[in-house]
Amino acid sequence: MGFHSYIVAAGFHTRVDAIEAMKQIVAEVTAPSLDEDGCQIYHWSQGADDPTLFLLYMEWRDKACFEAHIATPHVKHAEDRLKREKMLIEPAKEWHFYRLIDGPQGRGYKKL
């Protein structure tokens, strides 16, 4: 079985007083990220029970596309702002995966 997409999930835990600033970063980084070569999904979520938790779920065509993404000016700017303004109460966490099943016909996909 071959690998399909390269997936990264990242968790961010902000200070309470940094929630709105984090939402601004989300808005600024999302549009240019979606326009990048190889971006398949770029989705942010905010915690239902804890609004200081943010989750970024990304799917890229391959690892090289993801690595190009993290080197872009808009990602570097977002990372710099998070550090400069000390918005996070703990370091961001990342999980990296390869998708094993391709497309909505594969097992494990639910038709919407």
C-alpha atoms as a PDB file:
ATOM      1  CA  MET A   1       0.000   0.000   0.000  1.00  0.00           C
ATOM      2  CA  GLY A   2       1.427   3.368  -1.007  1.00  0.00           C
ATOM      3  CA  PHE A   3       1.116   6.646   0.825  1.00  0.00           C
ATOM      4  CA  HIS A   4      -1.188   9.339  -0.428  1.00  0.00           C
ATOM      5  CA  SER A   5      -1.367  12.757   1.270  1.00  0.00           C
ATOM      6  CA  TYR A   6       1.021  14.111   3.888  1.00  0.00           C
ATOM      7  CA  ILE A   7      -1.001  15.217   6.911  1.00  0.00           C
ATOM      8  CA  VAL A   8      -0.033  17.525   9.735  1.00  0.00           C
ATOM      9  CA  ALA A   9      -2.135  18.426  12.756  1.00  0.00           C
ATOM     10  CA  ALA A  10      -0.890  21.197  15.016  1.00  0.00           C
ATOM     11  CA  GLY A  11      -2.247  22.278  18.389  1.00  0.00           C
ATOM     12  CA  PHE A  12      -1.876  25.773  19.828  1.00  0.00           C
ATOM     13  CA  HIS A  13      -2.792  26.734  23.417  1.00  0.00           C
ATOM     14  CA  THR A  14      -3.044  30.516  23.721  1.00  0.00           C
ATOM     15  CA  ARG A  15      -3.334  32.875  26.629  1.00  0.00           C
ATOM     16  CA  VAL A  16      -6.938  33.946  27.310  1.00  0.00           C
ATOM     17  CA  ASP A  17      -6.100  37.525  26.359  1.00  0.00           C
ATOM     18  CA  ALA A  18      -4.546  36.321  23.061  1.00  0.00           C
ATOM     19  CA  ILE A  19      -7.621  34.568  21.615  1.00  0.00           C
ATOM     20  CA  GLU A  20      -8.566  37.447  19.295  1.00  0.00           C
ATOM     21  CA  ALA A  21      -4.957  37.911  18.166  1.00  0.00           C
ATOM     22  CA  MET A  22      -4.803  34.190  17.372  1.00  0.00           C
ATOM     23  CA  LYS A  23      -7.977  34.480  15.295  1.00  0.00           C
ATOM     24  CA  GLN A  24      -6.305  37.310  13.385  1.00  0.00           C
ATOM     25  CA  ILE A  25      -3.272  35.119  12.675  1.00  0.00           C
ATOM     26  CA  VAL A  26      -5.610  32.352  11.492  1.00  0.00           C
ATOM     27  CA  ALA A  27      -7.326  34.765   9.093  1.00  0.00           C
ATOM     28  CA  GLU A  28      -4.021  36.116   7.758  1.00  0.00           C
ATOM     29  CA  VAL A  29      -2.330  32.765   7.148  1.00  0.00           C
ATOM     30  CA  THR A  30      -5.240  30.728   5.764  1.00  0.00           C
ATOM     31  CA  ALA A  31      -5.893  32.316   2.343  1.00  0.00           C
ATOM     32  CA  PRO A  32      -2.270  32.291   1.137  1.00  0.00           C
ATOM     33  CA  SER A  33      -1.815  28.753   2.476  1.00  0.00           C
ATOM     34  CA  LEU A  34      -4.848  27.485   0.551  1.00  0.00           C
ATOM     35  CA  ASP A  35      -3.342  28.970  -2.628  1.00  0.00           C
ATOM     36  CA  GLU A  36      -0.045  27.096  -2.228  1.00  0.00           C
ATOM     37  CA  ASP A  37       0.921  24.293  -4.565  1.00  0.00           C
ATOM     38  CA  GLY A  38      -0.064  20.938  -3.087  1.00  0.00           C
ATOM     39  CA  CYS A  39      -2.424  22.251  -0.404  1.00  0.00           C
ATOM     40  CA  GLN A  40      -5.452  19.953  -0.254  1.00  0.00           C
ATOM     41  CA  ILE A  41      -6.960  20.891   3.130  1.00  0.00           C
ATOM     42  CA  TYR A  42      -6.076  23.747   5.471  1.00  0.00           C
ATOM     43  CA  HIS A  43      -8.600  23.858   8.301  1.00  0.00           C
ATOM     44  CA  TRP A  44      -8.562  25.635  11.651  1.00  0.00           C
ATOM     45  CA  SER A  45     -10.787  24.782  14.638  1.00  0.00           C
ATOM     46  CA  GLN A  46     -11.226  26.341  18.063  1.00  0.00           C
ATOM     47  CA  GLY A  47     -11.942  24.349  21.225  1.00  0.00           C
ATOM     48  CA  ALA A  48     -15.635  23.930  22.028  1.00  0.00           C
ATOM     49  CA  ASP A  49     -14.989  23.636  25.768  1.00  0.00           C
ATOM     50  CA  ASP A  50     -11.769  25.648  25.884  1.00  0.00           C
ATOM     51  CA  PRO A  51     -11.593  28.603  23.469  1.00  0.00           C
ATOM     52  CA  THR A  52      -7.857  28.982  24.130  1.00  0.00           C
ATOM     53  CA  LEU A  53      -7.193  25.760  22.192  1.00  0.00           C
ATOM     54  CA  PHE A  54      -6.745  25.935  18.425  1.00  0.00           C
ATOM     55  CA  LEU A  55      -6.196  23.013  16.067  1.00  0.00           C
ATOM     56  CA  LEU A  56      -4.797  23.286  12.552  1.00  0.00           C
ATOM     57  CA  TYR A  57      -5.419  20.300  10.267  1.00  0.00           C
ATOM     58  CA  MET A  58      -3.554  20.263   6.950  1.00  0.00           C
ATOM     59  CA  GLU A  59      -3.308  17.825   4.064  1.00  0.00           C
ATOM     60  CA  TRP A  60      -0.590  18.297   1.470  1.00  0.00           C
ATOM     61  CA  ARG A  61       0.086  16.401  -1.737  1.00  0.00           C
ATOM     62  CA  ASP A  62       3.419  15.292  -0.256  1.00  0.00           C
ATOM     63  CA  LYS A  63       5.977  16.139   2.412  1.00  0.00           C
ATOM     64  CA  ALA A  64       7.908  18.435   0.043  1.00  0.00           C
ATOM     65  CA  CYS A  65       4.815  20.655  -0.367  1.00  0.00           C
ATOM     66  CA  PHE A  66       4.451  20.875   3.422  1.00  0.00           C
ATOM     67  CA  GLU A  67       8.132  21.754   3.832  1.00  0.00           C
ATOM     68  CA  ALA A  68       7.760  24.488   1.203  1.00  0.00           C
ATOM     69  CA  HIS A  69       4.713  25.771   3.122  1.00  0.00           C
ATOM     70  CA  ILE A  70       6.544  26.182   6.422  1.00  0.00           C
ATOM     71  CA  ALA A  71       9.252  28.187   4.648  1.00  0.00           C
ATOM     72  CA  THR A  72       6.805  30.767   3.220  1.00  0.00           C
ATOM     73  CA  PRO A  73       6.839  34.384   4.417  1.00  0.00           C
ATOM     74  CA  HIS A  74       3.244  34.210   5.723  1.00  0.00           C
ATOM     75  CA  VAL A  75       4.019  31.199   7.925  1.00  0.00           C
ATOM     76  CA  LYS A  76       7.286  32.739   9.144  1.00  0.00           C
ATOM     77  CA  HIS A  77       5.428  35.977   9.952  1.00  0.00           C
ATOM     78  CA  ALA A  78       2.788  34.062  11.950  1.00  0.00           C
ATOM     79  CA  GLU A  79       5.436  32.100  13.855  1.00  0.00           C
ATOM     80  CA  ASP A  80       7.367  35.288  14.606  1.00  0.00           C
ATOM     81  CA  ARG A  81       4.250  37.023  15.915  1.00  0.00           C
ATOM     82  CA  LEU A  82       3.351  34.067  18.162  1.00  0.00           C
ATOM     83  CA  LYS A  83       6.851  34.215  19.670  1.00  0.00           C
ATOM     84  CA  ARG A  84       7.217  37.999  19.814  1.00  0.00           C
ATOM     85  CA  GLU A  85       3.875  38.494  21.559  1.00  0.00           C
ATOM     86  CA  LYS A  86       4.300  35.340  23.705  1.00  0.00           C
ATOM     87  CA  MET A  87       0.785  34.253  22.752  1.00  0.00           C
ATOM     88  CA  LEU A  88       1.186  30.570  23.577  1.00  0.00           C
ATOM     89  CA  ILE A  89       1.194  29.210  27.112  1.00  0.00           C
ATOM     90  CA  GLU A  90       3.071  26.093  25.962  1.00  0.00           C
ATOM     91  CA  PRO A  91       4.958  25.191  22.796  1.00  0.00           C
ATOM     92  CA  ALA A  92       2.794  24.237  19.821  1.00  0.00           C
ATOM     93  CA  LYS A  93       2.465  20.493  19.233  1.00  0.00           C
ATOM     94  CA  GLU A  94       2.598  18.786  15.840  1.00  0.00           C
ATOM     95  CA  TRP A  95       1.643  15.335  14.635  1.00  0.00           C
ATOM     96  CA  HIS A  96       2.682  14.102  11.169  1.00  0.00           C
ATOM     97  CA  PHE A  97       0.968  11.300   9.232  1.00  0.00           C
ATOM     98  CA  TYR A  98       0.643   9.747   5.801  1.00  0.00           C
ATOM     99  CA  ARG A  99      -2.874   9.030   4.551  1.00  0.00           C
ATOM    100  CA  LEU A 100      -3.123   5.393   3.557  1.00  0.00           C
ATOM    101  CA  ILE A 101      -6.494   5.398   1.796  1.00  0.00           C
ATOM    102  CA  ASP A 102      -7.116   7.636  -1.169  1.00  0.00           C
ATOM    103  CA  GLY A 103     -10.380   9.374  -1.954  1.00  0.00           C
ATOM    104  CA  PRO A 104     -13.952   9.196  -0.731  1.00  0.00           C
ATOM    105  CA  GLN A 105     -14.424   5.681  -2.132  1.00  0.00           C
ATOM    106  CA  GLY A 106     -11.827   4.313   0.286  1.00  0.00           C
ATOM    107  CA  ARG A 107     -12.908   2.646   3.512  1.00  0.00           C
ATOM    108  CA  GLY A 108     -13.169   4.978   6.457  1.00  0.00           C
ATOM    109  CA  TYR A 109     -14.620   7.900   4.523  1.00  0.00           C
ATOM    110  CA  LYS A 110     -18.151   9.019   5.230  1.00  0.00           C
ATOM    111  CA  LYS A 111     -20.172  10.496   2.413  1.00  0.00           C
ATOM    112  CA  LEU A 112     -21.533  13.912   3.415  1.00  0.00           C
END
